[in-house]
C-alpha atoms as a PDB file:
ATOM      1  CA  UNK A   1      -0.048   0.000  -0.093  1.00  0.00           C
ATOM      2  CA  UNK A   2       1.322   3.447  -0.910  1.00  0.00           C
ATOM      3  CA  UNK A   3       1.730   6.182   1.696  1.00  0.00           C
ATOM      4  CA  UNK A   4       0.628   8.947  -0.731  1.00  0.00           C
ATOM      5  CA  UNK A   5      -0.405   9.630  -4.368  1.00  0.00           C
ATOM      6  CA  UNK A   6       3.110   9.820  -5.804  1.00  0.00           C
ATOM      7  CA  UNK A   7       3.930   6.247  -6.333  1.00  0.00           C
ATOM      8  CA  UNK A   8       4.934   5.557  -9.923  1.00  0.00           C
ATOM      9  CA  UNK A   9       4.611   9.240 -10.935  1.00  0.00           C
ATOM     10  CA  UNK A  10       7.212  11.793 -12.054  1.00  0.00           C
ATOM     11  CA  UNK A  11       8.398  13.307  -8.724  1.00  0.00           C
ATOM     12  CA  UNK A  12      11.396  15.330  -9.413  1.00  0.00           C
ATOM     13  CA  UNK A  13      13.656  16.968 -12.179  1.00  0.00           C
ATOM     14  CA  UNK A  14      17.429  17.105 -11.719  1.00  0.00           C
ATOM     15  CA  UNK A  15      19.581  19.538 -13.550  1.00  0.00           C
ATOM     16  CA  UNK A  16      23.369  18.792 -13.678  1.00  0.00           C
ATOM     17  CA  UNK A  17      24.941  22.252 -13.737  1.00  0.00           C
ATOM     18  CA  UNK A  18      28.362  23.849 -13.703  1.00  0.00           C
ATOM     19  CA  UNK A  19      27.527  26.370 -10.970  1.00  0.00           C
ATOM     20  CA  UNK A  20      24.616  26.022  -8.598  1.00  0.00           C
ATOM     21  CA  UNK A  21      24.624  29.807  -7.592  1.00  0.00           C
ATOM     22  CA  UNK A  22      24.503  30.861 -11.164  1.00  0.00           C
ATOM     23  CA  UNK A  23      21.648  28.510 -11.876  1.00  0.00           C
ATOM     24  CA  UNK A  24      19.769  29.696  -8.858  1.00  0.00           C
ATOM     25  CA  UNK A  25      20.136  33.304  -9.749  1.00  0.00           C
ATOM     26  CA  UNK A  26      18.874  32.557 -13.354  1.00  0.00           C
ATOM     27  CA  UNK A  27      15.796  30.542 -12.449  1.00  0.00           C
ATOM     28  CA  UNK A  28      14.989  32.659  -9.398  1.00  0.00           C
ATOM     29  CA  UNK A  29      15.114  35.887 -11.464  1.00  0.00           C
ATOM     30  CA  UNK A  30      13.356  34.563 -14.553  1.00  0.00           C
ATOM     31  CA  UNK A  31      10.669  32.282 -13.080  1.00  0.00           C
ATOM     32  CA  UNK A  32      10.633  33.235  -9.216  1.00  0.00           C
ATOM     33  CA  UNK A  33      11.642  29.687  -8.122  1.00  0.00           C
ATOM     34  CA  UNK A  34      12.599  29.236  -4.451  1.00  0.00           C
ATOM     35  CA  UNK A  35      15.534  27.201  -3.190  1.00  0.00           C
ATOM     36  CA  UNK A  36      16.624  24.918  -0.348  1.00  0.00           C
ATOM     37  CA  UNK A  37      20.351  24.057  -0.155  1.00  0.00           C
ATOM     38  CA  UNK A  38      21.466  20.522   0.897  1.00  0.00           C
ATOM     39  CA  UNK A  39      25.224  21.105   1.073  1.00  0.00           C
ATOM     40  CA  UNK A  40      27.659  22.503  -1.528  1.00  0.00           C
ATOM     41  CA  UNK A  41      26.703  20.116  -4.441  1.00  0.00           C
ATOM     42  CA  UNK A  42      22.955  20.147  -4.395  1.00  0.00           C
ATOM     43  CA  UNK A  43      20.100  22.744  -4.109  1.00  0.00           C
ATOM     44  CA  UNK A  44      16.414  21.851  -4.379  1.00  0.00           C
ATOM     45  CA  UNK A  45      14.204  24.183  -6.342  1.00  0.00           C
ATOM     46  CA  UNK A  46      10.448  24.673  -6.134  1.00  0.00           C
ATOM     47  CA  UNK A  47       8.333  26.394  -8.855  1.00  0.00           C
ATOM     48  CA  UNK A  48       5.304  26.270  -6.448  1.00  0.00           C
ATOM     49  CA  UNK A  49       4.079  23.083  -8.001  1.00  0.00           C
ATOM     50  CA  UNK A  50       7.005  20.816  -8.796  1.00  0.00           C
ATOM     51  CA  UNK A  51      10.314  20.251  -7.028  1.00  0.00           C
ATOM     52  CA  UNK A  52      13.623  19.599  -8.646  1.00  0.00           C
ATOM     53  CA  UNK A  53      17.329  20.148  -8.004  1.00  0.00           C
ATOM     54  CA  UNK A  54      20.495  21.584  -9.244  1.00  0.00           C
ATOM     55  CA  UNK A  55      23.595  19.348  -8.726  1.00  0.00           C
ATOM     56  CA  UNK A  56      27.255  19.537  -9.576  1.00  0.00           C
ATOM     57  CA  UNK A  57      27.749  15.946  -8.493  1.00  0.00           C
ATOM     58  CA  UNK A  58      27.645  14.654 -12.116  1.00  0.00           C
ATOM     59  CA  UNK A  59      28.733  15.915 -15.511  1.00  0.00           C
ATOM     60  CA  UNK A  60      26.410  18.374 -17.362  1.00  0.00           C
ATOM     61  CA  UNK A  61      24.134  16.649 -19.758  1.00  0.00           C
ATOM     62  CA  UNK A  62      23.082  18.854 -22.551  1.00  0.00           C
ATOM     63  CA  UNK A  63      19.646  17.789 -23.899  1.00  0.00           C
ATOM     64  CA  UNK A  64      17.552  17.932 -20.820  1.00  0.00           C
ATOM     65  CA  UNK A  65      17.300  17.281 -16.976  1.00  0.00           C
ATOM     66  CA  UNK A  66      17.121  13.931 -15.308  1.00  0.00           C
ATOM     67  CA  UNK A  67      13.577  12.871 -14.790  1.00  0.00           C
ATOM     68  CA  UNK A  68      13.036  11.187 -11.420  1.00  0.00           C
ATOM     69  CA  UNK A  69      10.083   9.037 -10.594  1.00  0.00           C
ATOM     70  CA  UNK A  70       9.026   7.868  -7.092  1.00  0.00           C
ATOM     71  CA  UNK A  71       8.348   4.269  -6.181  1.00  0.00           C
ATOM     72  CA  UNK A  72       7.448   2.771  -2.784  1.00  0.00           C
ATOM     73  CA  UNK A  73       9.647  -0.251  -3.372  1.00  0.00           C
ATOM     74  CA  UNK A  74      12.920   0.180  -5.395  1.00  0.00           C
ATOM     75  CA  UNK A  75      13.611  -3.553  -5.856  1.00  0.00           C
ATOM     76  CA  UNK A  76       9.991  -3.951  -7.306  1.00  0.00           C
ATOM     77  CA  UNK A  77      10.663  -0.970  -9.681  1.00  0.00           C
ATOM     78  CA  UNK A  78      14.061  -2.346 -10.848  1.00  0.00           C
ATOM     79  CA  UNK A  79      12.522  -5.798 -11.594  1.00  0.00           C
ATOM     80  CA  UNK A  80       9.705  -4.290 -13.584  1.00  0.00           C
ATOM     81  CA  UNK A  81      12.154  -2.227 -15.622  1.00  0.00           C
ATOM     82  CA  UNK A  82      14.370  -5.180 -16.348  1.00  0.00           C
ATOM     83  CA  UNK A  83      11.378  -7.504 -17.177  1.00  0.00           C
ATOM     84  CA  UNK A  84      10.013  -4.793 -19.624  1.00  0.00           C
ATOM     85  CA  UNK A  85      13.454  -4.524 -21.508  1.00  0.00           C
ATOM     86  CA  UNK A  86      15.044  -1.519 -19.766  1.00  0.00           C
ATOM     87  CA  UNK A  87      18.634  -1.561 -18.382  1.00  0.00           C
ATOM     88  CA  UNK A  88      19.783  -0.477 -14.880  1.00  0.00           C
ATOM     89  CA  UNK A  89      22.689   1.975 -15.647  1.00  0.00           C
ATOM     90  CA  UNK A  90      23.527   2.922 -12.101  1.00  0.00           C
ATOM     91  CA  UNK A  91      22.866   0.589  -9.242  1.00  0.00           C
ATOM     92  CA  UNK A  92      20.953   1.782  -6.149  1.00  0.00           C
ATOM     93  CA  UNK A  93      22.733   4.286  -4.095  1.00  0.00           C
ATOM     94  CA  UNK A  94      21.884   6.209  -0.891  1.00  0.00           C
ATOM     95  CA  UNK A  95      21.720   9.957  -0.466  1.00  0.00           C
ATOM     96  CA  UNK A  96      20.377  12.176   2.366  1.00  0.00           C
ATOM     97  CA  UNK A  97      16.649  11.325   2.545  1.00  0.00           C
ATOM     98  CA  UNK A  98      16.462   8.153   0.508  1.00  0.00           C
ATOM     99  CA  UNK A  99      17.979   6.121  -2.278  1.00  0.00           C
ATOM    100  CA  UNK A 100      17.740   5.676  -5.983  1.00  0.00           C
ATOM    101  CA  UNK A 101      18.899   4.026  -9.155  1.00  0.00           C
ATOM    102  CA  UNK A 102      19.139   5.058 -12.747  1.00  0.00           C
ATOM    103  CA  UNK A 103      18.007   3.173 -15.933  1.00  0.00           C
ATOM    104  CA  UNK A 104      17.510   3.522 -19.628  1.00  0.00           C
ATOM    105  CA  UNK A 105      14.270   2.902 -21.396  1.00  0.00           C
ATOM    106  CA  UNK A 106      14.046   1.112 -24.712  1.00  0.00           C
ATOM    107  CA  UNK A 107      14.993   4.231 -26.649  1.00  0.00           C
ATOM    108  CA  UNK A 108      18.032   4.985 -24.521  1.00  0.00           C
ATOM    109  CA  UNK A 109      16.527   7.797 -22.400  1.00  0.00           C
ATOM    110  CA  UNK A 110      18.037   7.889 -18.919  1.00  0.00           C
ATOM    111  CA  UNK A 111      15.554   8.242 -15.955  1.00  0.00           C
ATOM    112  CA  UNK A 112      15.850   7.519 -12.223  1.00  0.00           C
ATOM    113  CA  UNK A 113      13.626   6.047  -9.511  1.00  0.00           C
ATOM    114  CA  UNK A 114      13.908   7.053  -5.909  1.00  0.00           C
ATOM    115  CA  UNK A 115      12.273   6.247  -2.583  1.00  0.00           C
ATOM    116  CA  UNK A 116      12.371   7.887   0.872  1.00  0.00           C
ATOM    117  CA  UNK A 117      14.682   6.514   3.550  1.00  0.00           C
END
């Protein structure tokens, strides 16, 4: 049973950026986003409806942000992806607040799935 209505839904967008302060200044000025910093390598943004993050923890990926889905059970989500023909590209890892893994779909798009700690 899920604890809320976000299971199997897009829950977060993550932009790999060169400079978090620069990105915050840009999106804050242009769109009025607000920010919560979680250390020097990650800042969460909110546009008032959807949350996401800026990170310097990985290389910048031109072409779009990382789409992150939420799942109550990561092992179940991984198995469903593998069964459907997707590939796990980054095994499950922990971060403050939870854990996640990355995968590619049948067309090679990379996405991630996370769950709370």
